[in-house]
Amino acid sequence: MGQFWMLLNVSNLWVSGGGAKLGEFFCSEGLPVHIRRFTIPAWSEESKTSLCVKYPQITHRSASPESKLFCLPDELLLMIFNYVNILADAACLCLADGRMFAVGFPRVIELQAAAYANWAGCCVVCIGEYAEDNDLPKYVQKLFEHHRKMLCEEDTNPPDEQAVWYDTYNRHFQRVTSGGLTGHHFPRGLEMMETEPSKGFGQLWAPYTEMMKPKYESPHPWVLCNLSKGEYVRVDAVAALTNYNGHKPFIAGDIDLGHALLSQICWSTDDSIAMGYEGDLHRGRWAGDRFVVLPMNKLDTRKTWQDVSDEVTKILVKIWECEWGEDWKELIG
């Protein structure tokens, strides 16, 4: 019959996909790896400037001189912003005053990363249901044991000691379909801003919604980084497989960074993958590692990084050749 596979965020107890064999989704559009979940937003200076030009009310607003909050120095305002952990709240505070926008907008971008790239830095593995407890990647096993211990204290049903990881997954993982991406809804009570844009706070609705949308702009090449091993895959190397522009992190072609990641994070004790590819796809050397997608200039310079783009793209080419034949580029083009 073969085994079913599911993409697990072991750090946050999230699951994506599942109920299908690896070969049924690996080369299809139904890939459970949404690379946006790992991608840190990046605003160019031009976009920040154009936002203020397009919506002059952002910088032209002035708070009442009687306001104690707006009389504080920038250093204290920055401390206040750093205590704000909700994206919508930070965006609203930015719109209160031109100086608040100048001080607080970097915090908005930080919170966009938390909201939209909520899989970045997490332990991720695409696991087959035949994986055995004593044959898991070390860090995955450690996290499962930790979750097991914490959750069993609250669980009234006796756990299955013969299938620790699968029982924990089955009981406690939450299914996500869009990576848990947050929408940009205005705080309750101010919804009238959208329907009455010319009145009062309504003038801020358009800049508010624009501030809530992440941007992915950088003059530097984007890379998929393995934070655990200090390795990365360049987006332009993956895009070149299907002759697409690889300047931005999201590739419009049939092979993207999601496929590159998936080719390295599959794990099972059993080698059934329902694919023609005969390599050890089920023993991914990145299984259980932590990942992020960002511009290359944002790499941690304290670490030594290795470019493994050639190694990963060769595996992808071999997989597509096994599934579609040597003329695969013509078939998917």
Protein backbone atom coordinates (compact mmCIF):
# COMPACT_ATOMS: atom_id res chain seq x y z
CA MET A 1 0.00 0.00 0.00
CA GLY A 2 2.80 2.44 0.81
CA GLN A 3 2.92 5.07 3.51
CA PHE A 4 1.30 8.48 3.81
CA TRP A 5 3.45 11.54 4.43
CA MET A 6 2.81 14.78 6.31
CA LEU A 7 4.77 17.98 6.81
CA LEU A 8 5.29 18.67 10.51
CA ASN A 9 6.36 21.82 12.29
CA VAL A 10 7.50 19.99 15.41
CA SER A 11 8.34 23.21 17.25
CA ASN A 12 4.77 24.56 17.10
CA LEU A 13 2.79 21.30 16.78
CA TRP A 14 1.49 22.17 13.31
CA VAL A 15 0.85 19.80 10.40
CA SER A 16 0.36 20.54 6.71
CA GLY A 17 -0.62 17.98 4.12
CA GLY A 18 -1.04 14.34 4.95
CA GLY A 19 -3.27 11.57 3.69
CA ALA A 20 -1.22 11.11 0.51
CA LYS A 21 1.84 9.28 -0.71
CA LEU A 22 4.94 11.32 -1.43
CA GLY A 23 4.77 10.66 -5.17
CA GLU A 24 1.19 11.92 -5.27
CA PHE A 25 2.14 15.48 -4.36
CA PHE A 26 5.91 15.96 -4.72
CA CYS A 27 5.82 17.05 -8.38
CA SER A 28 2.31 18.51 -8.30
CA GLU A 29 0.78 21.87 -7.45
CA GLY A 30 -0.53 20.48 -4.16
CA LEU A 31 2.81 20.82 -2.41
CA PRO A 32 2.33 21.20 1.37
CA VAL A 33 5.51 23.28 1.69
CA HIS A 34 4.36 26.90 1.33
CA ILE A 35 7.67 28.72 1.10
CA ARG A 36 6.07 32.00 2.21
CA ARG A 37 5.84 30.49 5.67
CA PHE A 38 9.63 30.65 5.88
CA THR A 39 10.26 33.94 4.06
CA ILE A 40 11.14 37.08 6.01
CA PRO A 41 9.53 40.24 4.57
CA ALA A 42 11.92 42.91 3.29
CA TRP A 43 10.89 46.47 2.48
CA SER A 44 13.10 48.55 0.24
CA GLU A 45 13.79 52.16 1.15
CA GLU A 46 11.94 53.15 -2.03
CA SER A 47 8.77 51.38 -0.84
CA LYS A 48 8.93 53.07 2.55
CA THR A 49 9.34 56.45 0.89
CA SER A 50 6.60 55.84 -1.68
CA LEU A 51 4.21 54.83 1.12
CA CYS A 52 4.62 58.26 2.69
CA VAL A 53 4.35 60.01 -0.68
CA LYS A 54 1.24 58.08 -1.64
CA TYR A 55 -0.39 58.70 1.74
CA PRO A 56 0.91 62.07 3.02
CA GLN A 57 -1.50 61.86 5.96
CA ILE A 58 0.97 59.40 7.52
CA THR A 59 3.73 61.90 8.09
CA HIS A 60 1.64 65.07 8.18
CA ARG A 61 -0.39 64.02 11.21
CA SER A 62 0.61 65.73 14.44
CA ALA A 63 -0.44 64.66 17.89
CA SER A 64 -1.90 67.07 20.40
CA PRO A 65 0.84 68.96 22.24
CA GLU A 66 -0.98 68.02 25.44
CA SER A 67 -0.41 64.30 24.83
CA LYS A 68 2.06 62.89 27.34
CA LEU A 69 2.85 59.90 25.15
CA PHE A 70 3.96 61.91 22.15
CA CYS A 71 6.16 64.14 24.29
CA LEU A 72 8.42 61.21 25.10
CA PRO A 73 11.86 61.00 23.44
CA ASP A 74 12.35 58.61 20.54
CA GLU A 75 14.27 56.15 22.70
CA LEU A 76 11.31 55.62 25.01
CA LEU A 77 8.84 55.44 22.11
CA LEU A 78 11.01 52.72 20.59
CA MET A 79 10.89 50.81 23.89
CA ILE A 80 7.09 51.06 23.84
CA PHE A 81 6.94 49.73 20.27
CA ASN A 82 9.16 46.82 21.26
CA TYR A 83 6.53 45.81 23.83
CA VAL A 84 3.83 45.73 21.14
CA ASN A 85 3.55 42.15 19.86
CA ILE A 86 0.48 42.39 17.61
CA LEU A 87 1.01 43.58 14.05
CA ALA A 88 -2.29 45.47 13.82
CA ASP A 89 -1.59 47.33 17.06
CA ALA A 90 1.87 48.42 15.92
CA ALA A 91 0.50 49.62 12.58
CA CYS A 92 -2.24 51.66 14.29
CA LEU A 93 0.25 53.22 16.68
CA CYS A 94 2.43 54.19 13.72
CA LEU A 95 -0.48 56.04 12.14
CA ALA A 96 -1.13 58.15 15.22
CA ASP A 97 1.59 60.66 14.43
CA GLY A 98 4.32 61.31 11.87
CA ARG A 99 7.08 60.82 14.43
CA MET A 100 5.48 57.59 15.65
CA PHE A 101 5.61 56.29 12.09
CA ALA A 102 9.30 57.15 11.75
CA VAL A 103 10.15 55.46 15.05
CA GLY A 104 7.81 52.47 14.87
CA PHE A 105 7.69 51.31 11.26
CA PRO A 106 10.74 49.01 11.66
CA ARG A 107 8.78 47.25 14.41
CA VAL A 108 5.88 46.76 11.97
CA ILE A 109 8.25 44.97 9.59
CA GLU A 110 9.53 42.79 12.44
CA LEU A 111 5.98 41.81 13.36
CA GLN A 112 5.20 41.05 9.72
CA ALA A 113 7.92 38.41 9.92
CA ALA A 114 6.30 36.91 13.03
CA ALA A 115 2.88 36.88 11.36
CA TYR A 116 3.70 35.80 7.82
CA ALA A 117 6.94 33.80 8.27
CA ASN A 118 5.74 31.85 11.27
CA TRP A 119 7.57 28.65 10.24
CA ALA A 120 10.94 30.39 10.02
CA GLY A 121 13.43 29.02 12.52
CA CYS A 122 11.23 26.04 13.41
CA CYS A 123 12.08 22.33 13.42
CA VAL A 124 10.50 20.94 10.23
CA VAL A 125 10.29 17.40 8.84
CA CYS A 126 8.19 15.67 6.19
CA ILE A 127 7.63 12.36 7.92
CA GLY A 128 6.32 9.05 6.64
CA GLU A 129 3.83 7.22 8.84
CA TYR A 130 6.08 4.12 8.95
CA ALA A 131 8.84 6.02 10.74
CA GLU A 132 9.82 4.27 13.98
CA ASP A 133 10.33 6.00 17.31
CA ASN A 134 13.92 4.78 17.63
CA ASP A 135 14.77 5.97 14.13
CA LEU A 136 13.92 9.67 14.14
CA PRO A 137 16.32 12.55 13.52
CA LYS A 138 17.88 13.38 16.88
CA TYR A 139 16.35 16.82 17.37
CA VAL A 140 12.92 15.66 16.14
CA GLN A 141 12.96 12.83 18.66
CA LYS A 142 14.01 15.21 21.44
CA LEU A 143 11.14 17.61 20.64
CA PHE A 144 8.58 14.81 20.45
CA GLU A 145 9.69 13.50 23.84
CA HIS A 146 9.46 17.02 25.29
CA HIS A 147 5.96 17.57 23.88
CA ARG A 148 4.94 14.12 25.03
CA LYS A 149 6.00 14.81 28.60
CA MET A 150 4.27 18.19 28.72
CA LEU A 151 1.05 17.07 27.05
CA CYS A 152 0.65 13.82 28.96
CA GLU A 153 0.27 15.82 32.17
CA GLU A 154 -2.90 17.35 30.73
CA ASP A 155 -4.18 14.30 28.80
CA THR A 156 -6.69 12.06 30.56
CA ASN A 157 -6.40 9.28 27.96
CA PRO A 158 -3.48 6.87 28.37
CA PRO A 159 -0.81 7.44 25.67
CA ASP A 160 0.28 4.79 23.19
CA GLU A 161 3.80 3.92 24.32
CA GLN A 162 4.44 1.84 21.19
CA ALA A 163 4.13 4.76 18.76
CA VAL A 164 5.23 7.88 20.61
CA TRP A 165 5.67 10.27 17.68
CA TYR A 166 2.58 9.15 15.77
CA ASP A 167 0.38 9.17 18.86
CA THR A 168 1.58 12.67 19.78
CA TYR A 169 0.97 13.87 16.23
CA ASN A 170 -2.45 12.25 16.09
CA ARG A 171 -3.61 13.76 19.37
CA HIS A 172 -2.05 17.18 19.54
CA PHE A 173 -0.91 18.58 16.17
CA GLN A 174 -3.05 21.33 14.66
CA ARG A 175 -3.70 21.24 10.93
CA VAL A 176 -2.92 24.44 9.03
CA THR A 177 -3.75 25.12 5.41
CA SER A 178 -2.31 28.58 4.88
CA GLY A 179 0.61 28.58 7.28
CA GLY A 180 -1.41 30.40 9.91
CA LEU A 181 -0.97 33.68 8.04
CA THR A 182 -2.77 36.49 9.77
CA GLY A 183 -5.12 38.77 7.90
CA HIS A 184 -5.01 42.56 8.12
CA HIS A 185 -8.30 43.19 9.92
CA PHE A 186 -8.72 46.51 11.62
CA PRO A 187 -9.26 46.45 15.40
CA ARG A 188 -12.88 45.98 16.45
CA GLY A 189 -14.87 49.21 16.64
CA LEU A 190 -13.03 50.95 13.80
CA GLU A 191 -14.36 48.87 10.89
CA MET A 192 -16.27 51.93 9.65
CA MET A 193 -12.97 53.29 8.38
CA GLU A 194 -13.27 51.04 5.34
CA THR A 195 -16.80 52.11 4.48
CA GLU A 196 -16.37 55.81 5.31
CA PRO A 197 -12.90 56.61 3.97
CA SER A 198 -13.45 60.37 3.91
CA LYS A 199 -14.36 60.74 7.57
CA GLY A 200 -11.95 61.02 10.47
CA PHE A 201 -9.95 57.87 11.01
CA GLY A 202 -11.26 56.55 7.70
CA GLN A 203 -8.51 58.49 5.96
CA LEU A 204 -6.03 56.04 7.48
CA TRP A 205 -7.70 52.88 6.22
CA ALA A 206 -5.79 52.75 2.93
CA PRO A 207 -2.32 53.33 4.43
CA TYR A 208 -3.15 50.90 7.23
CA THR A 209 -4.01 48.06 4.85
CA GLU A 210 -0.90 48.75 2.80
CA MET A 211 1.31 48.68 5.88
CA MET A 212 -0.13 45.29 6.84
CA LYS A 213 0.86 43.65 3.55
CA PRO A 214 4.39 42.20 3.50
CA LYS A 215 6.84 43.08 0.76
CA TYR A 216 9.76 41.00 -0.45
CA GLU A 217 12.18 43.47 -1.99
CA SER A 218 15.94 43.31 -1.95
CA PRO A 219 18.73 43.95 -4.48
CA HIS A 220 20.53 40.94 -3.01
CA PRO A 221 19.95 37.30 -4.04
CA TRP A 222 17.43 35.36 -1.95
CA VAL A 223 18.44 32.08 -0.34
CA LEU A 224 16.83 29.17 1.49
CA CYS A 225 18.97 28.78 4.62
CA ASN A 226 19.44 25.76 6.79
CA LEU A 227 20.11 27.47 10.12
CA SER A 228 21.09 24.20 11.77
CA LYS A 229 23.81 23.20 9.32
CA GLY A 230 24.93 26.56 7.96
CA GLU A 231 24.00 25.73 4.34
CA TYR A 232 21.90 27.53 1.77
CA VAL A 233 20.26 27.09 -1.64
CA ARG A 234 20.08 30.09 -3.98
CA VAL A 235 16.68 30.89 -5.42
CA ASP A 236 18.23 31.78 -8.80
CA ALA A 237 19.77 28.29 -9.05
CA VAL A 238 16.35 26.67 -8.56
CA ALA A 239 14.60 29.13 -10.89
CA ALA A 240 17.14 28.37 -13.63
CA LEU A 241 15.84 24.79 -13.82
CA THR A 242 12.69 26.07 -15.51
CA ASN A 243 14.15 29.28 -16.99
CA TYR A 244 12.32 31.60 -14.63
CA ASN A 245 13.54 34.82 -13.05
CA GLY A 246 15.01 33.97 -9.67
CA HIS A 247 15.51 37.47 -8.28
CA LYS A 248 12.60 37.28 -5.83
CA PRO A 249 12.00 34.39 -3.41
CA PHE A 250 8.82 33.10 -5.06
CA ILE A 251 9.29 31.30 -8.37
CA ALA A 252 6.37 31.11 -10.80
CA GLY A 253 7.71 27.93 -12.42
CA ASP A 254 6.87 24.29 -11.66
CA ILE A 255 9.92 23.90 -9.39
CA ASP A 256 10.45 26.32 -6.53
CA LEU A 257 12.20 26.57 -3.17
CA GLY A 258 9.45 24.46 -1.63
CA HIS A 259 10.55 21.51 -3.77
CA ALA A 260 14.18 22.17 -2.88
CA LEU A 261 13.30 22.07 0.81
CA LEU A 262 11.07 19.01 0.52
CA SER A 263 13.79 17.07 -1.29
CA GLN A 264 15.97 17.38 1.82
CA ILE A 265 13.58 16.96 4.77
CA CYS A 266 11.73 13.68 4.13
CA TRP A 267 12.22 11.01 6.77
CA SER A 268 10.99 7.47 7.36
CA THR A 269 12.31 4.08 8.35
CA ASP A 270 10.52 2.66 5.30
CA ASP A 271 11.73 3.61 1.81
CA SER A 272 8.34 3.58 0.06
CA ILE A 273 7.83 6.94 -1.63
CA ALA A 274 5.62 5.97 -4.61
CA MET A 275 8.08 7.57 -7.04
CA GLY A 276 10.41 6.39 -9.75
CA TYR A 277 13.35 8.10 -8.05
CA GLU A 278 15.63 5.51 -6.45
CA GLY A 279 17.73 7.76 -4.23
CA ASP A 280 17.40 7.87 -0.44
CA LEU A 281 14.74 10.55 -0.47
CA HIS A 282 13.30 9.06 2.73
CA ARG A 283 16.53 9.82 4.66
CA GLY A 284 16.75 13.55 4.08
CA ARG A 285 19.89 15.00 5.59
CA TRP A 286 18.03 18.20 6.49
CA ALA A 287 15.14 16.42 8.23
CA GLY A 288 14.35 18.13 11.54
CA ASP A 289 16.53 21.18 10.89
CA ARG A 290 15.49 24.85 11.10
CA PHE A 291 15.01 27.03 8.02
CA VAL A 292 14.45 30.57 6.83
CA VAL A 293 14.32 32.35 3.45
CA LEU A 294 15.93 35.78 3.30
CA PRO A 295 18.25 37.98 1.22
CA MET A 296 21.85 36.81 1.25
CA ASN A 297 23.08 40.01 2.89
CA LYS A 298 21.01 39.09 5.97
CA LEU A 299 22.94 35.87 6.62
CA ASP A 300 24.50 35.67 10.06
CA THR A 301 28.12 36.67 9.39
CA ARG A 302 29.25 34.97 12.60
CA LYS A 303 28.62 31.60 10.96
CA THR A 304 30.37 29.86 8.07
CA TRP A 305 27.94 29.24 5.23
CA GLN A 306 28.17 26.69 2.43
CA ASP A 307 26.38 26.98 -0.91
CA VAL A 308 24.75 23.58 -1.66
CA SER A 309 22.64 24.79 -4.59
CA ASP A 310 24.32 22.46 -7.13
CA GLU A 311 23.86 19.42 -4.92
CA VAL A 312 20.16 20.11 -4.30
CA THR A 313 19.28 21.07 -7.88
CA LYS A 314 20.92 17.88 -9.20
CA ILE A 315 18.58 15.87 -6.99
CA LEU A 316 15.58 17.86 -8.25
CA VAL A 317 16.57 17.29 -11.88
CA LYS A 318 16.95 13.56 -11.25
CA ILE A 319 13.52 13.38 -9.58
CA TRP A 320 11.83 15.14 -12.49
CA GLU A 321 13.65 12.94 -15.01
CA CYS A 322 12.44 9.83 -13.19
CA GLU A 323 8.89 11.11 -13.04
CA TRP A 324 8.58 12.76 -16.48
CA GLY A 325 11.47 11.43 -18.57
CA GLU A 326 14.51 13.20 -20.02
CA ASP A 327 12.28 15.69 -21.85
CA TRP A 328 10.62 16.84 -18.62
CA LYS A 329 11.37 20.52 -19.28
CA GLU A 330 9.31 20.44 -22.48
CA LEU A 331 6.44 18.65 -20.75
CA ILE A 332 6.11 21.10 -17.87
CA GLY A 333 6.94 24.24 -19.85
